[in-house]
Amino acid sequence: MAWFVKIEKGIVSKDDFDPYVEDHIAYVKQLIIDGHEAKTGYWAELGGGMMIFKANSRDEAELIVRNDPLVKNNCVEYELHQWQIVVEYVSS
């Protein structure tokens, strides 16, 4: 599986955004259960964040992103990139 990164920017008010946060968290937890090794968070400056996850293909990654409640409910704009890891820690 390849790594993908969804970089997002909020496009609605906090009042419109917040009702979908719990659904987003539940969605990411299900991605983890399904083996996508997902991680999500927001920028300390607020206004956006990112999610990294593994997928078998670009098409699968697009489907994962389109099904994110924050995307489905038009709370964020996003960019999706495949992440090519150059160096990583591997325990011995």
C-alpha atoms as a PDB file:
ATOM      1  CA  MET A   1       0.000   0.000   0.000  1.00  0.00           C
ATOM      2  CA  ALA A   2       1.127   3.538  -0.724  1.00  0.00           C
ATOM      3  CA  TRP A   3       0.923   6.531   1.624  1.00  0.00           C
ATOM      4  CA  PHE A   4      -1.372   9.429   0.742  1.00  0.00           C
ATOM      5  CA  VAL A   5      -1.795  12.863   2.327  1.00  0.00           C
ATOM      6  CA  LYS A   6      -4.980  14.928   2.309  1.00  0.00           C
ATOM      7  CA  ILE A   7      -4.165  18.554   3.122  1.00  0.00           C
ATOM      8  CA  GLU A   8      -7.306  20.479   3.906  1.00  0.00           C
ATOM      9  CA  LYS A   9      -8.490  24.021   4.517  1.00  0.00           C
ATOM     10  CA  GLY A  10     -11.727  24.820   6.337  1.00  0.00           C
ATOM     11  CA  ILE A  11     -14.209  26.755   4.211  1.00  0.00           C
ATOM     12  CA  VAL A  12     -17.117  27.105   6.655  1.00  0.00           C
ATOM     13  CA  SER A  13     -17.557  28.715  10.049  1.00  0.00           C
ATOM     14  CA  LYS A  14     -16.616  26.817  13.204  1.00  0.00           C
ATOM     15  CA  ASP A  15     -20.320  26.511  14.028  1.00  0.00           C
ATOM     16  CA  ASP A  16     -20.939  24.786  10.685  1.00  0.00           C
ATOM     17  CA  PHE A  17     -17.752  22.685  10.916  1.00  0.00           C
ATOM     18  CA  ASP A  18     -17.967  21.343  14.473  1.00  0.00           C
ATOM     19  CA  PRO A  19     -21.075  19.147  14.045  1.00  0.00           C
ATOM     20  CA  TYR A  20     -19.102  16.894  11.648  1.00  0.00           C
ATOM     21  CA  VAL A  21     -15.947  16.465  13.746  1.00  0.00           C
ATOM     22  CA  GLU A  22     -17.166  13.418  15.678  1.00  0.00           C
ATOM     23  CA  ASP A  23     -18.237  11.717  12.420  1.00  0.00           C
ATOM     24  CA  HIS A  24     -14.810  12.496  10.950  1.00  0.00           C
ATOM     25  CA  ILE A  25     -13.079  10.970  13.993  1.00  0.00           C
ATOM     26  CA  ALA A  26     -15.264   7.849  13.782  1.00  0.00           C
ATOM     27  CA  TYR A  27     -14.490   7.597  10.056  1.00  0.00           C
ATOM     28  CA  VAL A  28     -10.740   7.772  10.655  1.00  0.00           C
ATOM     29  CA  LYS A  29     -10.977   5.175  13.430  1.00  0.00           C
ATOM     30  CA  GLN A  30     -12.737   2.859  10.961  1.00  0.00           C
ATOM     31  CA  LEU A  31      -9.979   3.477   8.406  1.00  0.00           C
ATOM     32  CA  ILE A  32      -7.472   2.365  11.069  1.00  0.00           C
ATOM     33  CA  ILE A  33      -9.490  -0.799  11.771  1.00  0.00           C
ATOM     34  CA  ASP A  34      -9.620  -1.457   8.010  1.00  0.00           C
ATOM     35  CA  GLY A  35      -5.800  -1.372   7.813  1.00  0.00           C
ATOM     36  CA  HIS A  36      -5.211   2.077   6.286  1.00  0.00           C
ATOM     37  CA  GLU A  37      -2.968   3.243   9.187  1.00  0.00           C
ATOM     38  CA  ALA A  38      -4.728   6.631   9.124  1.00  0.00           C
ATOM     39  CA  LYS A  39      -3.752   9.618  11.242  1.00  0.00           C
ATOM     40  CA  THR A  40      -5.521  12.976  11.300  1.00  0.00           C
ATOM     41  CA  GLY A  41      -5.071  16.344  12.969  1.00  0.00           C
ATOM     42  CA  TYR A  42      -5.333  20.082  12.580  1.00  0.00           C
ATOM     43  CA  TRP A  43      -2.843  22.924  12.344  1.00  0.00           C
ATOM     44  CA  ALA A  44      -2.076  24.689  15.618  1.00  0.00           C
ATOM     45  CA  GLU A  45      -2.997  27.950  13.868  1.00  0.00           C
ATOM     46  CA  LEU A  46      -6.458  26.464  13.110  1.00  0.00           C
ATOM     47  CA  GLY A  47      -8.201  26.754   9.764  1.00  0.00           C
ATOM     48  CA  GLY A  48      -7.012  23.446   8.328  1.00  0.00           C
ATOM     49  CA  GLY A  49      -5.262  20.162   8.860  1.00  0.00           C
ATOM     50  CA  MET A  50      -4.291  16.912   7.247  1.00  0.00           C
ATOM     51  CA  MET A  51      -4.889  13.219   7.188  1.00  0.00           C
ATOM     52  CA  ILE A  52      -2.291  10.644   6.183  1.00  0.00           C
ATOM     53  CA  PHE A  53      -3.303   7.125   5.280  1.00  0.00           C
ATOM     54  CA  LYS A  54      -2.398   4.131   3.150  1.00  0.00           C
ATOM     55  CA  ALA A  55      -4.362   2.994   0.108  1.00  0.00           C
ATOM     56  CA  ASN A  56      -3.873   0.439  -2.648  1.00  0.00           C
ATOM     57  CA  SER A  57      -4.226   3.002  -5.438  1.00  0.00           C
ATOM     58  CA  ARG A  58      -4.910   6.650  -6.236  1.00  0.00           C
ATOM     59  CA  ASP A  59      -8.505   5.698  -7.026  1.00  0.00           C
ATOM     60  CA  GLU A  60      -8.951   4.088  -3.607  1.00  0.00           C
ATOM     61  CA  ALA A  61      -7.358   7.146  -1.947  1.00  0.00           C
ATOM     62  CA  GLU A  62      -9.788   9.444  -3.788  1.00  0.00           C
ATOM     63  CA  LEU A  63     -12.713   7.319  -2.632  1.00  0.00           C
ATOM     64  CA  ILE A  64     -11.472   7.411   0.969  1.00  0.00           C
ATOM     65  CA  VAL A  65     -11.214  11.205   0.849  1.00  0.00           C
ATOM     66  CA  ARG A  66     -14.589  11.700  -0.846  1.00  0.00           C
ATOM     67  CA  ASN A  67     -16.232   9.620   1.906  1.00  0.00           C
ATOM     68  CA  ASP A  68     -14.727  11.689   4.737  1.00  0.00           C
ATOM     69  CA  PRO A  69     -17.640  13.465   6.487  1.00  0.00           C
ATOM     70  CA  LEU A  70     -15.751  16.783   6.375  1.00  0.00           C
ATOM     71  CA  VAL A  71     -15.525  16.492   2.583  1.00  0.00           C
ATOM     72  CA  LYS A  72     -19.020  15.060   2.074  1.00  0.00           C
ATOM     73  CA  ASN A  73     -20.519  17.955   4.020  1.00  0.00           C
ATOM     74  CA  ASN A  74     -18.522  20.622   2.165  1.00  0.00           C
ATOM     75  CA  CYS A  75     -16.615  21.772   5.249  1.00  0.00           C
ATOM     76  CA  VAL A  76     -13.157  21.684   3.636  1.00  0.00           C
ATOM     77  CA  GLU A  77     -11.270  22.145   0.401  1.00  0.00           C
ATOM     78  CA  TYR A  78      -8.469  19.647  -0.019  1.00  0.00           C
ATOM     79  CA  GLU A  79      -5.451  18.549  -1.992  1.00  0.00           C
ATOM     80  CA  LEU A  80      -4.579  14.871  -2.228  1.00  0.00           C
ATOM     81  CA  HIS A  81      -0.980  13.769  -2.754  1.00  0.00           C
ATOM     82  CA  GLN A  82       0.751  10.415  -2.868  1.00  0.00           C
ATOM     83  CA  TRP A  83       3.632  10.617  -0.398  1.00  0.00           C
ATOM     84  CA  GLN A  84       6.909   9.034  -1.451  1.00  0.00           C
ATOM     85  CA  ILE A  85       8.837   8.299   1.757  1.00  0.00           C
ATOM     86  CA  VAL A  86      12.578   8.723   1.385  1.00  0.00           C
ATOM     87  CA  VAL A  87      13.757   7.950   4.940  1.00  0.00           C
ATOM     88  CA  GLU A  88      11.929   6.306   7.823  1.00  0.00           C
ATOM     89  CA  TYR A  89      12.814   4.701  11.103  1.00  0.00           C
ATOM     90  CA  VAL A  90      12.732   0.909  11.105  1.00  0.00           C
ATOM     91  CA  SER A  91      13.252  -0.786  14.440  1.00  0.00           C
ATOM     92  CA  SER A  92      15.781  -3.604  14.511  1.00  0.00           C
END
